[in-house]
């Protein structure tokens, strides 16, 4: 089971590196709150590698326009690194069953475990 910290770039949670994946649960910081919210993996609705299309489809266009514009450069770089076998982080878009969403960068093992949770 993977664990580790990850960085939120946009969405319904606090931006930054204050988030963790531990024991099969997401520990997420919310803006203005001190304690982290625990989100079990069965609350994941969708997880996709971030591309402009994924951001539009999962995140919608409201509030994500900037994220879509920013993705064009980093995603190309990320794809190049992953194709070369040197990439260890994945930028992805995640939508929870309750409608909240976020875009984050996490170690590839964390992304794989989040994606696999959708098949359980």
N, C-alpha and C. Protein backbone atom coordinates (compact mmCIF):
# COMPACT_ATOMS: atom_id res chain seq x y z
N UNK A 1 0.85 -1.17 0.00
CA UNK A 1 0.00 0.00 0.00
C UNK A 1 0.89 1.24 0.00
N UNK A 2 0.59 2.13 -0.91
CA UNK A 2 1.37 3.36 -1.04
C UNK A 2 0.93 4.38 0.00
N UNK A 3 1.84 5.27 0.33
CA UNK A 3 1.48 6.41 1.15
C UNK A 3 2.43 7.54 0.80
N UNK A 4 2.00 8.76 1.11
CA UNK A 4 2.87 9.89 0.84
C UNK A 4 2.11 11.20 0.79
N UNK A 5 2.86 12.26 0.70
CA UNK A 5 2.28 13.59 0.59
C UNK A 5 2.06 13.91 -0.88
N UNK A 6 1.10 14.78 -1.14
CA UNK A 6 0.88 15.24 -2.49
C UNK A 6 0.46 16.69 -2.47
N UNK A 7 0.55 17.34 -3.63
CA UNK A 7 0.29 18.77 -3.73
C UNK A 7 -0.98 19.03 -4.52
N UNK A 8 -1.85 19.87 -3.95
CA UNK A 8 -3.07 20.30 -4.63
C UNK A 8 -2.77 21.59 -5.38
N UNK A 9 -3.18 21.64 -6.65
CA UNK A 9 -2.98 22.83 -7.48
C UNK A 9 -4.25 23.66 -7.63
N UNK A 10 -5.41 23.01 -7.61
CA UNK A 10 -6.68 23.71 -7.80
C UNK A 10 -7.79 22.82 -7.26
N UNK A 11 -8.93 23.44 -6.96
CA UNK A 11 -10.09 22.66 -6.56
C UNK A 11 -10.69 23.09 -5.25
N UNK A 12 -11.40 22.16 -4.63
CA UNK A 12 -12.18 22.44 -3.42
C UNK A 12 -11.41 22.25 -2.12
N UNK A 13 -10.13 21.99 -2.21
CA UNK A 13 -9.30 21.83 -1.02
C UNK A 13 -8.17 22.86 -1.04
N UNK A 14 -7.49 23.02 0.09
CA UNK A 14 -6.42 24.00 0.22
C UNK A 14 -5.29 23.70 -0.75
N UNK A 15 -4.84 24.71 -1.47
CA UNK A 15 -3.71 24.55 -2.37
C UNK A 15 -2.44 24.37 -1.56
N UNK A 16 -1.56 23.51 -2.05
CA UNK A 16 -0.29 23.31 -1.38
C UNK A 16 -0.02 21.85 -1.08
N UNK A 17 1.03 21.63 -0.30
CA UNK A 17 1.53 20.28 -0.02
C UNK A 17 1.07 19.75 1.33
N UNK A 18 -0.04 20.23 1.84
CA UNK A 18 -0.52 19.84 3.16
C UNK A 18 -1.38 18.58 3.16
N UNK A 19 -1.38 17.82 2.09
CA UNK A 19 -2.29 16.69 1.94
C UNK A 19 -1.50 15.38 1.95
N UNK A 20 -2.17 14.31 2.46
CA UNK A 20 -1.48 13.02 2.57
C UNK A 20 -2.39 11.89 2.13
N UNK A 21 -1.74 10.80 1.71
CA UNK A 21 -2.41 9.54 1.43
C UNK A 21 -1.80 8.52 2.37
N UNK A 22 -2.59 8.08 3.37
CA UNK A 22 -2.08 7.19 4.41
C UNK A 22 -3.14 6.13 4.72
N UNK A 23 -2.73 4.89 4.80
CA UNK A 23 -3.64 3.83 5.20
C UNK A 23 -4.86 3.70 4.31
N UNK A 24 -4.71 3.96 3.03
CA UNK A 24 -5.82 3.84 2.11
C UNK A 24 -6.85 4.95 2.23
N UNK A 25 -6.46 6.07 2.80
CA UNK A 25 -7.37 7.21 2.95
C UNK A 25 -6.64 8.49 2.57
N UNK A 26 -7.40 9.43 2.04
CA UNK A 26 -6.88 10.76 1.75
C UNK A 26 -7.07 11.64 2.98
N UNK A 27 -6.04 12.34 3.38
CA UNK A 27 -6.14 13.29 4.48
C UNK A 27 -5.98 14.68 3.86
N UNK A 28 -7.10 15.39 3.73
CA UNK A 28 -7.16 16.62 2.95
C UNK A 28 -7.38 17.84 3.84
N UNK A 29 -6.63 18.90 3.55
CA UNK A 29 -6.80 20.19 4.25
C UNK A 29 -7.82 21.02 3.48
N UNK A 30 -8.69 21.69 4.23
CA UNK A 30 -9.67 22.59 3.63
C UNK A 30 -9.25 24.02 3.98
N UNK A 31 -9.53 24.96 3.07
CA UNK A 31 -9.17 26.36 3.36
C UNK A 31 -9.79 26.84 4.67
N UNK A 32 -8.98 27.46 5.50
CA UNK A 32 -9.46 28.03 6.76
C UNK A 32 -9.68 27.04 7.88
N UNK A 33 -9.38 25.77 7.67
CA UNK A 33 -9.58 24.76 8.70
C UNK A 33 -8.22 24.25 9.18
N UNK A 34 -8.13 23.92 10.47
CA UNK A 34 -6.88 23.43 11.04
C UNK A 34 -6.71 21.92 10.82
N UNK A 35 -7.79 21.17 11.07
CA UNK A 35 -7.71 19.71 10.97
C UNK A 35 -7.96 19.23 9.55
N UNK A 36 -7.35 18.09 9.22
CA UNK A 36 -7.55 17.48 7.90
C UNK A 36 -8.85 16.68 7.90
N UNK A 37 -9.46 16.62 6.73
CA UNK A 37 -10.64 15.78 6.53
C UNK A 37 -10.17 14.43 6.01
N UNK A 38 -10.71 13.36 6.57
CA UNK A 38 -10.38 12.01 6.13
C UNK A 38 -11.39 11.57 5.08
N UNK A 39 -10.88 11.18 3.91
CA UNK A 39 -11.75 10.74 2.82
C UNK A 39 -11.37 9.31 2.44
N UNK A 40 -12.27 8.34 2.70
CA UNK A 40 -11.99 6.97 2.31
C UNK A 40 -12.02 6.82 0.78
N UNK A 41 -11.29 5.84 0.27
CA UNK A 41 -11.18 5.67 -1.18
C UNK A 41 -12.49 5.31 -1.84
N UNK A 42 -13.46 4.77 -1.09
CA UNK A 42 -14.75 4.45 -1.73
C UNK A 42 -15.55 5.71 -2.07
N UNK A 43 -15.04 6.88 -1.68
CA UNK A 43 -15.70 8.15 -2.03
C UNK A 43 -15.17 8.74 -3.33
N UNK A 44 -14.19 8.08 -3.97
CA UNK A 44 -13.67 8.57 -5.24
C UNK A 44 -14.68 8.29 -6.34
N UNK A 45 -14.93 9.31 -7.17
CA UNK A 45 -15.84 9.14 -8.29
C UNK A 45 -15.10 8.93 -9.59
N UNK A 46 -14.00 9.65 -9.79
CA UNK A 46 -13.19 9.54 -11.01
C UNK A 46 -11.79 10.04 -10.72
N UNK A 47 -10.81 9.42 -11.36
CA UNK A 47 -9.41 9.84 -11.26
C UNK A 47 -8.81 9.69 -12.66
N UNK A 48 -8.27 10.79 -13.19
CA UNK A 48 -7.67 10.75 -14.53
C UNK A 48 -6.39 11.55 -14.55
N UNK A 49 -5.44 11.09 -15.35
CA UNK A 49 -4.23 11.87 -15.57
C UNK A 49 -4.65 13.21 -16.13
N UNK A 50 -4.07 14.29 -15.64
CA UNK A 50 -4.47 15.64 -16.03
C UNK A 50 -4.07 15.91 -17.48
N UNK A 51 -5.05 16.24 -18.24
CA UNK A 51 -4.86 16.76 -19.59
C UNK A 51 -5.90 17.86 -19.72
N UNK A 52 -5.80 18.66 -20.72
CA UNK A 52 -6.78 19.72 -20.89
C UNK A 52 -8.19 19.13 -21.00
N UNK A 53 -8.32 18.00 -21.70
CA UNK A 53 -9.64 17.37 -21.86
C UNK A 53 -10.16 16.82 -20.53
N UNK A 54 -9.29 16.20 -19.74
CA UNK A 54 -9.71 15.65 -18.45
C UNK A 54 -10.15 16.76 -17.51
N UNK A 55 -9.43 17.88 -17.52
CA UNK A 55 -9.79 19.00 -16.65
C UNK A 55 -11.16 19.53 -17.03
N UNK A 56 -11.42 19.65 -18.32
CA UNK A 56 -12.72 20.15 -18.77
C UNK A 56 -13.83 19.15 -18.45
N UNK A 57 -13.59 17.86 -18.66
CA UNK A 57 -14.61 16.84 -18.47
C UNK A 57 -14.92 16.63 -17.00
N UNK A 58 -13.91 16.46 -16.17
CA UNK A 58 -14.15 16.17 -14.75
C UNK A 58 -14.37 17.44 -13.95
N UNK A 59 -13.56 18.44 -14.19
CA UNK A 59 -13.64 19.64 -13.39
C UNK A 59 -14.63 20.66 -13.88
N UNK A 60 -15.04 20.56 -15.13
CA UNK A 60 -15.88 21.59 -15.70
C UNK A 60 -15.02 22.78 -16.08
N UNK A 61 -15.64 23.80 -16.60
CA UNK A 61 -14.86 24.95 -17.03
C UNK A 61 -14.89 26.08 -16.01
N UNK A 62 -15.89 26.10 -15.15
CA UNK A 62 -15.98 27.17 -14.16
C UNK A 62 -14.88 27.01 -13.13
N UNK A 63 -14.04 28.00 -12.98
CA UNK A 63 -12.98 27.97 -11.98
C UNK A 63 -11.77 27.14 -12.38
N UNK A 64 -11.83 26.45 -13.51
CA UNK A 64 -10.73 25.60 -13.93
C UNK A 64 -10.07 26.11 -15.20
N UNK A 65 -10.49 27.27 -15.69
CA UNK A 65 -9.89 27.81 -16.90
C UNK A 65 -8.40 28.03 -16.75
N UNK A 66 -8.00 28.59 -15.63
CA UNK A 66 -6.58 28.83 -15.38
C UNK A 66 -5.83 27.51 -15.30
N UNK A 67 -6.41 26.52 -14.63
CA UNK A 67 -5.76 25.22 -14.52
C UNK A 67 -5.56 24.60 -15.89
N UNK A 68 -6.56 24.70 -16.75
CA UNK A 68 -6.43 24.17 -18.11
C UNK A 68 -5.32 24.85 -18.87
N UNK A 69 -5.20 26.16 -18.72
CA UNK A 69 -4.14 26.89 -19.41
C UNK A 69 -2.77 26.54 -18.89
N UNK A 70 -2.67 26.35 -17.60
CA UNK A 70 -1.39 26.02 -16.98
C UNK A 70 -0.94 24.61 -17.38
N UNK A 71 -1.90 23.72 -17.59
CA UNK A 71 -1.59 22.32 -17.87
C UNK A 71 -0.85 22.10 -19.18
N UNK A 72 -1.05 22.95 -20.14
CA UNK A 72 -0.45 22.70 -21.45
C UNK A 72 1.05 22.50 -21.37
N UNK A 73 1.74 23.31 -20.60
CA UNK A 73 3.20 23.14 -20.48
C UNK A 73 3.59 21.98 -19.59
N UNK A 74 3.12 21.94 -18.33
CA UNK A 74 3.52 20.88 -17.42
C UNK A 74 3.13 19.48 -17.88
N UNK A 75 1.98 19.33 -18.52
CA UNK A 75 1.56 17.99 -18.94
C UNK A 75 2.48 17.47 -20.03
N UNK A 76 2.86 18.36 -20.95
CA UNK A 76 3.80 17.95 -22.00
C UNK A 76 5.12 17.50 -21.40
N UNK A 77 5.58 18.26 -20.42
CA UNK A 77 6.83 17.90 -19.74
C UNK A 77 6.67 16.58 -19.00
N UNK A 78 5.54 16.44 -18.28
CA UNK A 78 5.28 15.20 -17.54
C UNK A 78 5.22 14.01 -18.47
N UNK A 79 4.52 14.15 -19.58
CA UNK A 79 4.41 13.04 -20.53
C UNK A 79 5.80 12.66 -21.05
N UNK A 80 6.62 13.64 -21.33
CA UNK A 80 7.97 13.36 -21.80
C UNK A 80 8.79 12.63 -20.76
N UNK A 81 8.66 13.05 -19.50
CA UNK A 81 9.41 12.38 -18.44
C UNK A 81 8.94 10.95 -18.23
N UNK A 82 7.62 10.75 -18.26
CA UNK A 82 7.09 9.41 -18.07
C UNK A 82 7.48 8.50 -19.23
N UNK A 83 7.45 9.02 -20.44
CA UNK A 83 7.82 8.22 -21.61
C UNK A 83 9.29 7.82 -21.53
N UNK A 84 10.10 8.69 -20.93
CA UNK A 84 11.52 8.40 -20.79
C UNK A 84 11.83 7.51 -19.61
N UNK A 85 10.84 7.18 -18.80
CA UNK A 85 11.05 6.29 -17.67
C UNK A 85 11.62 6.97 -16.45
N UNK A 86 11.76 8.29 -16.47
CA UNK A 86 12.36 8.99 -15.34
C UNK A 86 11.32 9.63 -14.43
N UNK A 87 10.06 9.68 -14.89
CA UNK A 87 9.03 10.37 -14.12
C UNK A 87 8.61 9.59 -12.90
N UNK A 88 8.44 10.26 -11.80
CA UNK A 88 8.00 9.60 -10.58
C UNK A 88 6.75 10.24 -10.01
N UNK A 89 6.33 11.37 -10.57
CA UNK A 89 5.12 12.04 -10.11
C UNK A 89 4.11 12.09 -11.24
N UNK A 90 2.82 12.12 -10.86
CA UNK A 90 1.74 12.18 -11.83
C UNK A 90 0.82 13.33 -11.42
N UNK A 91 0.48 14.18 -12.38
CA UNK A 91 -0.51 15.22 -12.15
C UNK A 91 -1.85 14.66 -12.62
N UNK A 92 -2.86 14.76 -11.75
CA UNK A 92 -4.16 14.15 -12.06
C UNK A 92 -5.30 15.01 -11.57
N UNK A 93 -6.49 14.69 -12.07
CA UNK A 93 -7.72 15.35 -11.68
C UNK A 93 -8.58 14.30 -10.99
N UNK A 94 -9.14 14.64 -9.83
CA UNK A 94 -9.95 13.70 -9.07
C UNK A 94 -11.30 14.34 -8.73
N UNK A 95 -12.37 13.58 -8.95
CA UNK A 95 -13.70 14.03 -8.56
C UNK A 95 -14.24 13.06 -7.53
N UNK A 96 -14.75 13.59 -6.42
CA UNK A 96 -15.32 12.78 -5.36
C UNK A 96 -16.81 12.56 -5.63
N UNK A 97 -17.38 11.55 -5.01
CA UNK A 97 -18.81 11.23 -5.21
C UNK A 97 -19.72 12.36 -4.77
N UNK A 98 -19.27 13.19 -3.82
CA UNK A 98 -20.11 14.30 -3.33
C UNK A 98 -20.01 15.54 -4.21
N UNK A 99 -19.25 15.46 -5.31
CA UNK A 99 -19.16 16.57 -6.25
C UNK A 99 -17.92 17.44 -6.10
N UNK A 100 -17.20 17.30 -5.00
CA UNK A 100 -15.97 18.07 -4.84
C UNK A 100 -14.90 17.52 -5.78
N UNK A 101 -13.93 18.37 -6.12
CA UNK A 101 -12.89 17.95 -7.05
C UNK A 101 -11.59 18.67 -6.74
N UNK A 102 -10.50 18.11 -7.28
CA UNK A 102 -9.20 18.76 -7.13
C UNK A 102 -8.25 18.26 -8.21
N UNK A 103 -7.23 19.08 -8.46
CA UNK A 103 -6.14 18.70 -9.35
C UNK A 103 -4.90 18.66 -8.48
N UNK A 104 -4.12 17.57 -8.59
CA UNK A 104 -2.98 17.37 -7.70
C UNK A 104 -1.82 16.69 -8.43
N UNK A 105 -0.66 16.76 -7.80
CA UNK A 105 0.51 16.01 -8.25
C UNK A 105 0.92 15.10 -7.09
N UNK A 106 1.07 13.81 -7.40
CA UNK A 106 1.41 12.82 -6.38
C UNK A 106 2.41 11.82 -6.95
N UNK A 107 3.11 11.10 -6.08
CA UNK A 107 3.98 10.02 -6.56
C UNK A 107 3.15 9.02 -7.38
N UNK A 108 3.76 8.42 -8.37
CA UNK A 108 3.04 7.50 -9.26
C UNK A 108 2.39 6.35 -8.52
N UNK A 109 2.99 5.87 -7.43
CA UNK A 109 2.40 4.78 -6.66
C UNK A 109 1.08 5.20 -6.02
N UNK A 110 1.00 6.44 -5.55
CA UNK A 110 -0.24 6.96 -4.98
C UNK A 110 -1.31 7.04 -6.06
N UNK A 111 -0.95 7.59 -7.22
CA UNK A 111 -1.90 7.69 -8.33
C UNK A 111 -2.42 6.31 -8.73
N UNK A 112 -1.54 5.32 -8.81
CA UNK A 112 -1.95 3.97 -9.18
C UNK A 112 -2.94 3.40 -8.18
N UNK A 113 -2.69 3.61 -6.90
CA UNK A 113 -3.60 3.09 -5.88
C UNK A 113 -4.95 3.81 -5.91
N UNK A 114 -4.95 5.11 -6.14
CA UNK A 114 -6.21 5.85 -6.25
C UNK A 114 -7.01 5.33 -7.44
N UNK A 115 -6.34 5.15 -8.58
CA UNK A 115 -7.01 4.64 -9.78
C UNK A 115 -7.56 3.24 -9.56
N UNK A 116 -6.79 2.39 -8.91
CA UNK A 116 -7.21 1.01 -8.66
C UNK A 116 -8.42 0.95 -7.73
N UNK A 117 -8.56 1.92 -6.83
CA UNK A 117 -9.68 1.94 -5.90
C UNK A 117 -11.02 2.04 -6.62
N UNK A 118 -11.01 2.59 -7.82
CA UNK A 118 -12.26 2.74 -8.59
C UNK A 118 -12.78 1.39 -9.08
N UNK A 119 -11.93 0.36 -9.09
CA UNK A 119 -12.33 -0.95 -9.58
C UNK A 119 -12.77 -1.89 -8.48
N UNK A 120 -12.76 -1.44 -7.25
CA UNK A 120 -13.15 -2.30 -6.12
C UNK A 120 -14.63 -2.22 -5.88
